[in-house]
Amino acid sequence: EPEWELERYPVTEEERLPERIASFVRPFDLGKAP
């Protein structure tokens, strides 16, 4: 049961969503689950 939590972002305007999603997609360290 690896440590995991749901990330929470502040309220975002619709036009800023692409920028917010881009900041969420980031590299994984394959040596760390999940």
ModelCIF file with pLDDT and N, C-alpha, C, O atoms, coordinates in Angstrom:
data_MODEL
#
_entry.id   MODEL 
#
_entity.id                         1 
_entity.type                       polymer 
_entity.pdbx_number_of_molecules   1 
#
_entity_poly.entity_id                      1 
_entity_poly.type                           'polypeptide(L)' 
_entity_poly.nstd_linkage                   no 
_entity_poly.nstd_monomer                   no 
_entity_poly.pdbx_seq_one_letter_code       EPEWELERYPVTEEERLPERIASFVRPFDLGKAP 
_entity_poly.pdbx_seq_one_letter_code_can   EPEWELERYPVTEEERLPERIASFVRPFDLGKAP 
_entity_poly.pdbx_strand_id                 A 
#
loop_
_entity_poly_seq.entity_id 
_entity_poly_seq.num 
_entity_poly_seq.mon_id 
_entity_poly_seq.hetero 
1 1  GLU n 
1 2  PRO n 
1 3  GLU n 
1 4  TRP n 
1 5  GLU n 
1 6  LEU n 
1 7  GLU n 
1 8  ARG n 
1 9  TYR n 
1 10 PRO n 
1 11 VAL n 
1 12 THR n 
1 13 GLU n 
1 14 GLU n 
1 15 GLU n 
1 16 ARG n 
1 17 LEU n 
1 18 PRO n 
1 19 GLU n 
1 20 ARG n 
1 21 ILE n 
1 22 ALA n 
1 23 SER n 
1 24 PHE n 
1 25 VAL n 
1 26 ARG n 
1 27 PRO n 
1 28 PHE n 
1 29 ASP n 
1 30 LEU n 
1 31 GLY n 
1 32 LYS n 
1 33 ALA n 
1 34 PRO n 
#
_struct_asym.id          A 
_struct_asym.entity_id   1 
#
loop_
_ma_qa_metric.id 
_ma_qa_metric.mode 
_ma_qa_metric.name 
_ma_qa_metric.software_group_id 
_ma_qa_metric.type 
1 global pLDDT . pLDDT 
2 local  pLDDT . pLDDT 
#
_ma_qa_metric_global.metric_id      1 
_ma_qa_metric_global.metric_value   91.94 
_ma_qa_metric_global.model_id       1 
_ma_qa_metric_global.ordinal_id     1 
#
loop_
_ma_qa_metric_local.label_asym_id 
_ma_qa_metric_local.label_comp_id 
_ma_qa_metric_local.label_seq_id 
_ma_qa_metric_local.metric_id 
_ma_qa_metric_local.metric_value 
_ma_qa_metric_local.model_id 
_ma_qa_metric_local.ordinal_id 
A GLU 1  2 90.00 1 1  
A PRO 2  2 92.00 1 2  
A GLU 3  2 93.00 1 3  
A TRP 4  2 95.00 1 4  
A GLU 5  2 95.00 1 5  
A LEU 6  2 97.00 1 6  
A GLU 7  2 96.00 1 7  
A ARG 8  2 95.00 1 8  
A TYR 9  2 93.00 1 9  
A PRO 10 2 92.00 1 10 
A VAL 11 2 90.00 1 11 
A THR 12 2 86.00 1 12 
A GLU 13 2 87.00 1 13 
A GLU 14 2 81.00 1 14 
A GLU 15 2 84.00 1 15 
A ARG 16 2 89.00 1 16 
A LEU 17 2 89.00 1 17 
A PRO 18 2 91.00 1 18 
A GLU 19 2 92.00 1 19 
A ARG 20 2 91.00 1 20 
A ILE 21 2 92.00 1 21 
A ALA 22 2 91.00 1 22 
A SER 23 2 92.00 1 23 
A PHE 24 2 95.00 1 24 
A VAL 25 2 94.00 1 25 
A ARG 26 2 93.00 1 26 
A PRO 27 2 92.00 1 27 
A PHE 28 2 93.00 1 28 
A ASP 29 2 92.00 1 29 
A LEU 30 2 94.00 1 30 
A GLY 31 2 94.00 1 31 
A LYS 32 2 95.00 1 32 
A ALA 33 2 96.00 1 33 
A PRO 34 2 95.00 1 34 
#
loop_
_atom_site.group_PDB 
_atom_site.id 
_atom_site.type_symbol 
_atom_site.label_atom_id 
_atom_site.label_alt_id 
_atom_site.label_comp_id 
_atom_site.label_asym_id 
_atom_site.label_entity_id 
_atom_site.label_seq_id 
_atom_site.pdbx_PDB_ins_code 
_atom_site.Cartn_x 
_atom_site.Cartn_y 
_atom_site.Cartn_z 
_atom_site.occupancy 
_atom_site.B_iso_or_equiv 
_atom_site.pdbx_formal_charge 
_atom_site.auth_seq_id 
_atom_site.auth_comp_id 
_atom_site.auth_asym_id 
_atom_site.auth_atom_id 
_atom_site.pdbx_PDB_model_num 
ATOM 1   N N  . GLU A 1 1  ? 0.854   -1.194 0.000   1.00 90.00 ? 1  GLU A N  1 
ATOM 2   C CA . GLU A 1 1  ? 0.000   0.000  0.000   1.00 90.00 ? 1  GLU A CA 1 
ATOM 3   C C  . GLU A 1 1  ? 0.889   1.243  0.000   1.00 90.00 ? 1  GLU A C  1 
ATOM 4   O O  . GLU A 1 1  ? 1.181   1.798  1.059   1.00 90.00 ? 1  GLU A O  1 
ATOM 5   N N  . PRO A 1 2  ? 1.313   1.674  -1.171  1.00 92.00 ? 2  PRO A N  1 
ATOM 6   C CA . PRO A 1 2  ? 2.192   2.851  -1.241  1.00 92.00 ? 2  PRO A CA 1 
ATOM 7   C C  . PRO A 1 2  ? 1.447   4.121  -0.842  1.00 92.00 ? 2  PRO A C  1 
ATOM 8   O O  . PRO A 1 2  ? 0.223   4.202  -0.947  1.00 92.00 ? 2  PRO A O  1 
ATOM 9   N N  . GLU A 1 3  ? 2.202   5.097  -0.386  1.00 93.00 ? 3  GLU A N  1 
ATOM 10  C CA . GLU A 1 3  ? 1.592   6.375  -0.028  1.00 93.00 ? 3  GLU A CA 1 
ATOM 11  C C  . GLU A 1 3  ? 1.031   7.047  -1.274  1.00 93.00 ? 3  GLU A C  1 
ATOM 12  O O  . GLU A 1 3  ? 1.686   7.094  -2.315  1.00 93.00 ? 3  GLU A O  1 
ATOM 13  N N  . TRP A 1 4  ? -0.190  7.567  -1.159  1.00 95.00 ? 4  TRP A N  1 
ATOM 14  C CA . TRP A 1 4  ? -0.821  8.223  -2.308  1.00 95.00 ? 4  TRP A CA 1 
ATOM 15  C C  . TRP A 1 4  ? -1.896  9.159  -1.798  1.00 95.00 ? 4  TRP A C  1 
ATOM 16  O O  . TRP A 1 4  ? -2.603  8.854  -0.838  1.00 95.00 ? 4  TRP A O  1 
ATOM 17  N N  . GLU A 1 5  ? -2.009  10.305 -2.455  1.00 95.00 ? 5  GLU A N  1 
ATOM 18  C CA . GLU A 1 5  ? -3.102  11.222 -2.131  1.00 95.00 ? 5  GLU A CA 1 
ATOM 19  C C  . GLU A 1 5  ? -3.551  11.969 -3.372  1.00 95.00 ? 5  GLU A C  1 
ATOM 20  O O  . GLU A 1 5  ? -2.772  12.182 -4.301  1.00 95.00 ? 5  GLU A O  1 
ATOM 21  N N  . LEU A 1 6  ? -4.805  12.362 -3.378  1.00 97.00 ? 6  LEU A N  1 
ATOM 22  C CA . LEU A 1 6  ? -5.384  13.127 -4.477  1.00 97.00 ? 6  LEU A CA 1 
ATOM 23  C C  . LEU A 1 6  ? -4.856  14.554 -4.426  1.00 97.00 ? 6  LEU A C  1 
ATOM 24  O O  . LEU A 1 6  ? -4.974  15.235 -3.407  1.00 97.00 ? 6  LEU A O  1 
ATOM 25  N N  . GLU A 1 7  ? -4.275  14.996 -5.530  1.00 96.00 ? 7  GLU A N  1 
ATOM 26  C CA . GLU A 1 7  ? -3.783  16.374 -5.580  1.00 96.00 ? 7  GLU A CA 1 
ATOM 27  C C  . GLU A 1 7  ? -4.965  17.333 -5.758  1.00 96.00 ? 7  GLU A C  1 
ATOM 28  O O  . GLU A 1 7  ? -5.934  17.025 -6.452  1.00 96.00 ? 7  GLU A O  1 
ATOM 29  N N  . ARG A 1 8  ? -4.864  18.480 -5.126  1.00 95.00 ? 8  ARG A N  1 
ATOM 30  C CA . ARG A 1 8  ? -5.941  19.471 -5.223  1.00 95.00 ? 8  ARG A CA 1 
ATOM 31  C C  . ARG A 1 8  ? -5.357  20.799 -5.690  1.00 95.00 ? 8  ARG A C  1 
ATOM 32  O O  . ARG A 1 8  ? -4.359  21.282 -5.156  1.00 95.00 ? 8  ARG A O  1 
ATOM 33  N N  . TYR A 1 9  ? -6.000  21.374 -6.696  1.00 93.00 ? 9  TYR A N  1 
ATOM 34  C CA . TYR A 1 9  ? -5.552  22.642 -7.255  1.00 93.00 ? 9  TYR A CA 1 
ATOM 35  C C  . TYR A 1 9  ? -6.544  23.742 -6.895  1.00 93.00 ? 9  TYR A C  1 
ATOM 36  O O  . TYR A 1 9  ? -7.697  23.442 -6.585  1.00 93.00 ? 9  TYR A O  1 
ATOM 37  N N  . PRO A 1 10 ? -6.129  25.005 -6.929  1.00 92.00 ? 10 PRO A N  1 
ATOM 38  C CA . PRO A 1 10 ? -7.058  26.110 -6.666  1.00 92.00 ? 10 PRO A CA 1 
ATOM 39  C C  . PRO A 1 10 ? -8.065  26.282 -7.804  1.00 92.00 ? 10 PRO A C  1 
ATOM 40  O O  . PRO A 1 10 ? -7.905  25.719 -8.887  1.00 92.00 ? 10 PRO A O  1 
ATOM 41  N N  . VAL A 1 11 ? -9.098  27.067 -7.533  1.00 90.00 ? 11 VAL A N  1 
ATOM 42  C CA . VAL A 1 11 ? -10.128 27.333 -8.556  1.00 90.00 ? 11 VAL A CA 1 
ATOM 43  C C  . VAL A 1 11 ? -9.461  27.889 -9.808  1.00 90.00 ? 11 VAL A C  1 
ATOM 44  O O  . VAL A 1 11 ? -8.603  28.767 -9.728  1.00 90.00 ? 11 VAL A O  1 
ATOM 45  N N  . THR A 1 12 ? -9.866  27.368 -10.968 1.00 86.00 ? 12 THR A N  1 
ATOM 46  C CA . THR A 1 12 ? -9.224  27.727 -12.232 1.00 86.00 ? 12 THR A CA 1 
ATOM 47  C C  . THR A 1 12 ? -10.248 28.198 -13.254 1.00 86.00 ? 12 THR A C  1 
ATOM 48  O O  . THR A 1 12 ? -11.307 27.591 -13.406 1.00 86.00 ? 12 THR A O  1 
ATOM 49  N N  . GLU A 1 13 ? -9.927  29.285 -13.954 1.00 87.00 ? 13 GLU A N  1 
ATOM 50  C CA . GLU A 1 13 ? -10.782 29.762 -15.043 1.00 87.00 ? 13 GLU A CA 1 
ATOM 51  C C  . GLU A 1 13 ? -10.636 28.819 -16.234 1.00 87.00 ? 13 GLU A C  1 
ATOM 52  O O  . GLU A 1 13 ? -9.573  28.238 -16.455 1.00 87.00 ? 13 GLU A O  1 
ATOM 53  N N  . GLU A 1 14 ? -11.729 28.675 -17.003 1.00 81.00 ? 14 GLU A N  1 
ATOM 54  C CA . GLU A 1 14 ? -11.755 27.736 -18.133 1.00 81.00 ? 14 GLU A CA 1 
ATOM 55  C C  . GLU A 1 14 ? -10.592 27.976 -19.093 1.00 81.00 ? 14 GLU A C  1 
ATOM 56  O O  . GLU A 1 14 ? -9.974  27.024 -19.569 1.00 81.00 ? 14 GLU A O  1 
ATOM 57  N N  . GLU A 1 15 ? -10.290 29.249 -19.380 1.00 84.00 ? 15 GLU A N  1 
ATOM 58  C CA . GLU A 1 15 ? -9.248  29.536 -20.366 1.00 84.00 ? 15 GLU A CA 1 
ATOM 59  C C  . GLU A 1 15 ? -7.846  29.174 -19.861 1.00 84.00 ? 15 GLU A C  1 
ATOM 60  O O  . GLU A 1 15 ? -6.908  29.069 -20.652 1.00 84.00 ? 15 GLU A O  1 
ATOM 61  N N  . ARG A 1 16 ? -7.708  28.984 -18.554 1.00 89.00 ? 16 ARG A N  1 
ATOM 62  C CA . ARG A 1 16 ? -6.402  28.623 -17.988 1.00 89.00 ? 16 ARG A CA 1 
ATOM 63  C C  . ARG A 1 16 ? -6.242  27.120 -17.786 1.00 89.00 ? 16 ARG A C  1 
ATOM 64  O O  . ARG A 1 16 ? -5.201  26.665 -17.311 1.00 89.00 ? 16 ARG A O  1 
ATOM 65  N N  . LEU A 1 17 ? -7.274  26.343 -18.146 1.00 89.00 ? 17 LEU A N  1 
ATOM 66  C CA . LEU A 1 17 ? -7.213  24.905 -17.929 1.00 89.00 ? 17 LEU A CA 1 
ATOM 67  C C  . LEU A 1 17 ? -6.043  24.227 -18.647 1.00 89.00 ? 17 LEU A C  1 
ATOM 68  O O  . LEU A 1 17 ? -5.357  23.404 -18.041 1.00 89.00 ? 17 LEU A O  1 
ATOM 69  N N  . PRO A 1 18 ? -5.794  24.553 -19.935 1.00 91.00 ? 18 PRO A N  1 
ATOM 70  C CA . PRO A 1 18 ? -4.653  23.900 -20.599 1.00 91.00 ? 18 PRO A CA 1 
ATOM 71  C C  . PRO A 1 18 ? -3.339  24.105 -19.851 1.00 91.00 ? 18 PRO A C  1 
ATOM 72  O O  . PRO A 1 18 ? -2.520  23.191 -19.755 1.00 91.00 ? 18 PRO A O  1 
ATOM 73  N N  . GLU A 1 19 ? -3.147  25.304 -19.327 1.00 92.00 ? 19 GLU A N  1 
ATOM 74  C CA . GLU A 1 19 ? -1.929  25.608 -18.569 1.00 92.00 ? 19 GLU A CA 1 
ATOM 75  C C  . GLU A 1 19 ? -1.885  24.788 -17.274 1.00 92.00 ? 19 GLU A C  1 
ATOM 76  O O  . GLU A 1 19 ? -0.835  24.274 -16.888 1.00 92.00 ? 19 GLU A O  1 
ATOM 77  N N  . ARG A 1 20 ? -3.049  24.675 -16.607 1.00 91.00 ? 20 ARG A N  1 
ATOM 78  C CA . ARG A 1 20 ? -3.112  23.930 -15.351 1.00 91.00 ? 20 ARG A CA 1 
ATOM 79  C C  . ARG A 1 20 ? -2.866  22.439 -15.596 1.00 91.00 ? 20 ARG A C  1 
ATOM 80  O O  . ARG A 1 20 ? -2.143  21.796 -14.835 1.00 91.00 ? 20 ARG A O  1 
ATOM 81  N N  . ILE A 1 21 ? -3.465  21.889 -16.656 1.00 92.00 ? 21 ILE A N  1 
ATOM 82  C CA . ILE A 1 21 ? -3.285  20.461 -16.972 1.00 92.00 ? 21 ILE A CA 1 
ATOM 83  C C  . ILE A 1 21 ? -1.830  20.193 -17.337 1.00 92.00 ? 21 ILE A C  1 
ATOM 84  O O  . ILE A 1 21 ? -1.261  19.176 -16.940 1.00 92.00 ? 21 ILE A O  1 
ATOM 85  N N  . ALA A 1 22 ? -1.225  21.115 -18.102 1.00 91.00 ? 22 ALA A N  1 
ATOM 86  C CA . ALA A 1 22 ? 0.180   20.944 -18.499 1.00 91.00 ? 22 ALA A CA 1 
ATOM 87  C C  . ALA A 1 22 ? 1.086   20.884 -17.274 1.00 91.00 ? 22 ALA A C  1 
ATOM 88  O O  . ALA A 1 22 ? 2.077   20.153 -17.272 1.00 91.00 ? 22 ALA A O  1 
ATOM 89  N N  . SER A 1 23 ? 0.758   21.643 -16.236 1.00 92.00 ? 23 SER A N  1 
ATOM 90  C CA . SER A 1 23 ? 1.582   21.619 -15.024 1.00 92.00 ? 23 SER A CA 1 
ATOM 91  C C  . SER A 1 23 ? 1.384   20.325 -14.245 1.00 92.00 ? 23 SER A C  1 
ATOM 92  O O  . SER A 1 23 ? 2.262   19.911 -13.488 1.00 92.00 ? 23 SER A O  1 
ATOM 93  N N  . PHE A 1 24 ? 0.227   19.684 -14.433 1.00 95.00 ? 24 PHE A N  1 
ATOM 94  C CA . PHE A 1 24 ? -0.046  18.414 -13.754 1.00 95.00 ? 24 PHE A CA 1 
ATOM 95  C C  . PHE A 1 24 ? 0.726   17.256 -14.396 1.00 95.00 ? 24 PHE A C  1 
ATOM 96  O O  . PHE A 1 24 ? 1.202   16.365 -13.693 1.00 95.00 ? 24 PHE A O  1 
ATOM 97  N N  . VAL A 1 25 ? 0.851   17.266 -15.731 1.00 94.00 ? 25 VAL A N  1 
ATOM 98  C CA . VAL A 1 25 ? 1.539   16.182 -16.437 1.00 94.00 ? 25 VAL A CA 1 
ATOM 99  C C  . VAL A 1 25 ? 3.041   16.391 -16.302 1.00 94.00 ? 25 VAL A C  1 
ATOM 100 O O  . VAL A 1 25 ? 3.612   17.286 -16.925 1.00 94.00 ? 25 VAL A O  1 
ATOM 101 N N  . ARG A 1 26 ? 3.670   15.564 -15.490 1.00 93.00 ? 26 ARG A N  1 
ATOM 102 C CA . ARG A 1 26 ? 5.088   15.702 -15.208 1.00 93.00 ? 26 ARG A CA 1 
ATOM 103 C C  . ARG A 1 26 ? 5.726   14.309 -15.150 1.00 93.00 ? 26 ARG A C  1 
ATOM 104 O O  . ARG A 1 26 ? 5.010   13.309 -15.102 1.00 93.00 ? 26 ARG A O  1 
ATOM 105 N N  . PRO A 1 27 ? 7.045   14.233 -15.153 1.00 92.00 ? 27 PRO A N  1 
ATOM 106 C CA . PRO A 1 27 ? 7.720   12.925 -15.212 1.00 92.00 ? 27 PRO A CA 1 
ATOM 107 C C  . PRO A 1 27 ? 7.435   12.048 -14.000 1.00 92.00 ? 27 PRO A C  1 
ATOM 108 O O  . PRO A 1 27 ? 7.188   12.537 -12.897 1.00 92.00 ? 27 PRO A O  1 
ATOM 109 N N  . PHE A 1 28 ? 7.477   10.735 -14.236 1.00 93.00 ? 28 PHE A N  1 
ATOM 110 C CA . PHE A 1 28 ? 7.394   9.752  -13.158 1.00 93.00 ? 28 PHE A CA 1 
ATOM 111 C C  . PHE A 1 28 ? 8.792   9.231  -12.840 1.00 93.00 ? 28 PHE A C  1 
ATOM 112 O O  . PHE A 1 28 ? 9.629   9.086  -13.732 1.00 93.00 ? 28 PHE A O  1 
ATOM 113 N N  . ASP A 1 29 ? 9.032   8.957  -11.580 1.00 92.00 ? 29 ASP A N  1 
ATOM 114 C CA . ASP A 1 29 ? 10.228  8.224  -11.168 1.00 92.00 ? 29 ASP A CA 1 
ATOM 115 C C  . ASP A 1 29 ? 9.840   6.756  -11.153 1.00 92.00 ? 29 ASP A C  1 
ATOM 116 O O  . ASP A 1 29 ? 9.070   6.334  -10.290 1.00 92.00 ? 29 ASP A O  1 
ATOM 117 N N  . LEU A 1 30 ? 10.360  5.962  -12.098 1.00 94.00 ? 30 LEU A N  1 
ATOM 118 C CA . LEU A 1 30 ? 9.943   4.571  -12.231 1.00 94.00 ? 30 LEU A CA 1 
ATOM 119 C C  . LEU A 1 30 ? 10.334  3.714  -11.036 1.00 94.00 ? 30 LEU A C  1 
ATOM 120 O O  . LEU A 1 30 ? 9.861   2.585  -10.909 1.00 94.00 ? 30 LEU A O  1 
ATOM 121 N N  . GLY A 1 31 ? 11.179  4.225  -10.171 1.00 94.00 ? 31 GLY A N  1 
ATOM 122 C CA . GLY A 1 31 ? 11.575  3.488  -8.989  1.00 94.00 ? 31 GLY A CA 1 
ATOM 123 C C  . GLY A 1 31 ? 10.657  3.707  -7.800  1.00 94.00 ? 31 GLY A C  1 
ATOM 124 O O  . GLY A 1 31 ? 10.886  3.146  -6.728  1.00 94.00 ? 31 GLY A O  1 
ATOM 125 N N  . LYS A 1 32 ? 9.608   4.523  -7.978  1.00 95.00 ? 32 LYS A N  1 
ATOM 126 C CA . LYS A 1 32 ? 8.711   4.835  -6.867  1.00 95.00 ? 32 LYS A CA 1 
ATOM 127 C C  . LYS A 1 32 ? 7.267   4.564  -7.271  1.00 95.00 ? 32 LYS A C  1 
ATOM 128 O O  . LYS A 1 32 ? 6.793   5.077  -8.286  1.00 95.00 ? 32 LYS A O  1 
ATOM 129 N N  . ALA A 1 33 ? 6.567   3.754  -6.472  1.00 96.00 ? 33 ALA A N  1 
ATOM 130 C CA . ALA A 1 33 ? 5.149   3.474  -6.710  1.00 96.00 ? 33 ALA A CA 1 
ATOM 131 C C  . ALA A 1 33 ? 4.300   4.431  -5.868  1.00 96.00 ? 33 ALA A C  1 
ATOM 132 O O  . ALA A 1 33 ? 4.738   4.888  -4.812  1.00 96.00 ? 33 ALA A O  1 
ATOM 133 N N  . PRO A 1 34 ? 3.062   4.739  -6.347  1.00 95.00 ? 34 PRO A N  1 
ATOM 134 C CA . PRO A 1 34 ? 2.482   4.242  -7.593  1.00 95.00 ? 34 PRO A CA 1 
ATOM 135 C C  . PRO A 1 34 ? 2.852   5.130  -8.774  1.00 95.00 ? 34 PRO A C  1 
ATOM 136 O O  . PRO A 1 34 ? 2.446   4.856  -9.903  1.00 95.00 ? 34 PRO A O  1 
#
